[in-house]
Structure formats: structure tokens, C-alpha cells
C-alpha atoms as a PDB file:
ATOM      1  CA  UNK A   1      58.370  14.953  47.274  1.00  0.00           C
ATOM      2  CA  UNK A   2      58.731  19.071  47.588  1.00  0.00           C
ATOM      3  CA  UNK A   3      61.670  20.133  48.762  1.00  0.00           C
ATOM      4  CA  UNK A   4      63.569  23.628  49.674  1.00  0.00           C
ATOM      5  CA  UNK A   5      65.734  24.730  47.224  1.00  0.00           C
ATOM      6  CA  UNK A   6      67.696  27.597  48.328  1.00  0.00           C
ATOM      7  CA  UNK A   7      67.959  30.209  45.522  1.00  0.00           C
ATOM      8  CA  UNK A   8      71.576  30.143  44.749  1.00  0.00           C
ATOM      9  CA  UNK A   9      71.092  26.062  43.766  1.00  0.00           C
ATOM     10  CA  UNK A  10      68.012  27.007  41.607  1.00  0.00           C
ATOM     11  CA  UNK A  11      70.020  30.043  39.665  1.00  0.00           C
ATOM     12  CA  UNK A  12      72.764  27.837  38.060  1.00  0.00           C
ATOM     13  CA  UNK A  13      72.815  28.059  34.842  1.00  0.00           C
ATOM     14  CA  UNK A  14      71.871  24.623  33.393  1.00  0.00           C
ATOM     15  CA  UNK A  15      68.964  24.127  36.094  1.00  0.00           C
ATOM     16  CA  UNK A  16      65.177  24.049  34.671  1.00  0.00           C
ATOM     17  CA  UNK A  17      61.962  23.708  35.957  1.00  0.00           C
ATOM     18  CA  UNK A  18      60.936  20.027  34.268  1.00  0.00           C
ATOM     19  CA  UNK A  19      57.462  19.000  33.716  1.00  0.00           C
ATOM     20  CA  UNK A  20      57.185  15.209  33.143  1.00  0.00           C
ATOM     21  CA  UNK A  21      53.651  13.459  32.474  1.00  0.00           C
ATOM     22  CA  UNK A  22      54.177  10.029  33.517  1.00  0.00           C
ATOM     23  CA  UNK A  23      51.839   7.185  31.906  1.00  0.00           C
ATOM     24  CA  UNK A  24      51.513   4.202  33.665  1.00  0.00           C
ATOM     25  CA  UNK A  25      49.312   1.145  33.662  1.00  0.00           C
ATOM     26  CA  UNK A  26      46.986   0.512  37.111  1.00  0.00           C
ATOM     27  CA  UNK A  27      48.270  -2.109  38.991  1.00  0.00           C
ATOM     28  CA  UNK A  28      44.790  -3.958  38.946  1.00  0.00           C
ATOM     29  CA  UNK A  29      43.673  -3.283  35.221  1.00  0.00           C
ATOM     30  CA  UNK A  30      46.988  -3.141  33.680  1.00  0.00           C
ATOM     31  CA  UNK A  31      44.973  -2.509  30.159  1.00  0.00           C
ATOM     32  CA  UNK A  32      44.335   0.876  31.506  1.00  0.00           C
ATOM     33  CA  UNK A  33      46.655   3.689  31.975  1.00  0.00           C
ATOM     34  CA  UNK A  34      46.788   6.686  33.958  1.00  0.00           C
ATOM     35  CA  UNK A  35      48.630   9.792  33.857  1.00  0.00           C
ATOM     36  CA  UNK A  36      50.630  11.385  36.810  1.00  0.00           C
ATOM     37  CA  UNK A  37      51.997  14.948  36.022  1.00  0.00           C
ATOM     38  CA  UNK A  38      55.417  15.430  38.099  1.00  0.00           C
ATOM     39  CA  UNK A  39      57.500  19.102  38.453  1.00  0.00           C
ATOM     40  CA  UNK A  40      60.952  19.729  39.975  1.00  0.00           C
ATOM     41  CA  UNK A  41      63.823  22.024  39.499  1.00  0.00           C
ATOM     42  CA  UNK A  42      65.953  19.648  37.507  1.00  0.00           C
ATOM     43  CA  UNK A  43      69.912  19.828  36.100  1.00  0.00           C
ATOM     44  CA  UNK A  44      69.896  19.743  32.258  1.00  0.00           C
ATOM     45  CA  UNK A  45      70.917  17.674  29.955  1.00  0.00           C
ATOM     46  CA  UNK A  46      70.741  14.287  32.375  1.00  0.00           C
ATOM     47  CA  UNK A  47      67.687  15.307  34.561  1.00  0.00           C
ATOM     48  CA  UNK A  48      69.101  13.402  37.971  1.00  0.00           C
ATOM     49  CA  UNK A  49      66.249  14.140  39.586  1.00  0.00           C
ATOM     50  CA  UNK A  50      63.889  12.368  37.334  1.00  0.00           C
ATOM     51  CA  UNK A  51      66.173   9.617  37.033  1.00  0.00           C
ATOM     52  CA  UNK A  52      65.866   9.090  40.426  1.00  0.00           C
ATOM     53  CA  UNK A  53      62.748   9.421  40.779  1.00  0.00           C
ATOM     54  CA  UNK A  54      61.939   7.301  37.932  1.00  0.00           C
ATOM     55  CA  UNK A  55      64.088   4.460  39.545  1.00  0.00           C
ATOM     56  CA  UNK A  56      62.300   4.958  43.055  1.00  0.00           C
ATOM     57  CA  UNK A  57      59.113   4.417  41.129  1.00  0.00           C
ATOM     58  CA  UNK A  58      59.961   1.229  38.849  1.00  0.00           C
ATOM     59  CA  UNK A  59      61.205   0.012  42.146  1.00  0.00           C
ATOM     60  CA  UNK A  60      58.892   0.521  45.040  1.00  0.00           C
ATOM     61  CA  UNK A  61      55.288   1.292  43.078  1.00  0.00           C
ATOM     62  CA  UNK A  62      53.250  -1.535  41.294  1.00  0.00           C
ATOM     63  CA  UNK A  63      52.142   0.396  38.110  1.00  0.00           C
ATOM     64  CA  UNK A  64      54.201  -0.394  35.258  1.00  0.00           C
ATOM     65  CA  UNK A  65      55.565   2.692  33.263  1.00  0.00           C
ATOM     66  CA  UNK A  66      54.063   3.096  30.024  1.00  0.00           C
ATOM     67  CA  UNK A  67      55.772   6.246  28.694  1.00  0.00           C
ATOM     68  CA  UNK A  68      57.410   9.360  30.323  1.00  0.00           C
ATOM     69  CA  UNK A  69      57.330  13.176  28.320  1.00  0.00           C
ATOM     70  CA  UNK A  70      59.234  15.759  29.773  1.00  0.00           C
ATOM     71  CA  UNK A  71      59.186  19.247  28.791  1.00  0.00           C
ATOM     72  CA  UNK A  72      61.476  21.848  30.522  1.00  0.00           C
ATOM     73  CA  UNK A  73      61.917  25.806  31.012  1.00  0.00           C
ATOM     74  CA  UNK A  74      64.099  28.019  32.575  1.00  0.00           C
ATOM     75  CA  UNK A  75      64.000  28.441  36.608  1.00  0.00           C
ATOM     76  CA  UNK A  76      63.447  32.006  36.674  1.00  0.00           C
ATOM     77  CA  UNK A  77      62.657  34.079  33.310  1.00  0.00           C
ATOM     78  CA  UNK A  78      61.374  37.658  32.454  1.00  0.00           C
ATOM     79  CA  UNK A  79      57.192  37.333  32.439  1.00  0.00           C
ATOM     80  CA  UNK A  80      55.042  38.828  29.973  1.00  0.00           C
ATOM     81  CA  UNK A  81      51.575  40.365  30.974  1.00  0.00           C
ATOM     82  CA  UNK A  82      49.067  41.538  29.234  1.00  0.00           C
ATOM     83  CA  UNK A  83      46.723  44.210  30.894  1.00  0.00           C
ATOM     84  CA  UNK A  84      42.606  44.147  30.473  1.00  0.00           C
ATOM     85  CA  UNK A  85      41.298  47.252  28.959  1.00  0.00           C
ATOM     86  CA  UNK A  86      38.235  47.314  30.972  1.00  0.00           C
ATOM     87  CA  UNK A  87      36.269  45.256  33.908  1.00  0.00           C
ATOM     88  CA  UNK A  88      32.652  44.008  33.031  1.00  0.00           C
ATOM     89  CA  UNK A  89      30.520  42.422  35.476  1.00  0.00           C
ATOM     90  CA  UNK A  90      27.631  40.529  34.598  1.00  0.00           C
ATOM     91  CA  UNK A  91      24.692  39.143  36.794  1.00  0.00           C
END
């Protein structure tokens, strides 16, 4: 479900990089759970892209949803780097 997002769309203040950990029941073995990770840029606070994806899941896929854990971060944020003091090679 990857799509191209133009930069102005993503830079709007309420857009975040969203990660959803979707836990669902396996269709052939409903007592077993499987995890699916999903990432997309989405709009706070209602997460319309995630909502559309979960509606698609429930209407088109066989695995019944068990739980969804959501986390998000700024779409573009300053990154911190730590540099190594040396380089070591082991043989």
C-alpha cells in the first residue's frame, strides 16, 4: 500500500509517521495470533489512513483483528548522531 507523498503534504503540522502493530487471529487456526506491522504517514488525531486500512482489513481479509497498538513520531525531526571513537577489525 505504499504511495508517493509529495513533500508539502507530509510537512503539514499534524502529519506523523505512524506505526501500527496489528495482532490478528490466523484464519485456519483461530487460537493462534500473528503480528503485522504497518507504517504510513497519517493525520493526527483521527488517523484516517489507519482507519481506512483497518476497515479494508475487516471487510476483505479473513484474519479477525485481535488488537492494534499505535505509535507515531514527527514526520521530519532533527536526528542525533553518535560517532565512534575508533575502528576495530576482528578476524
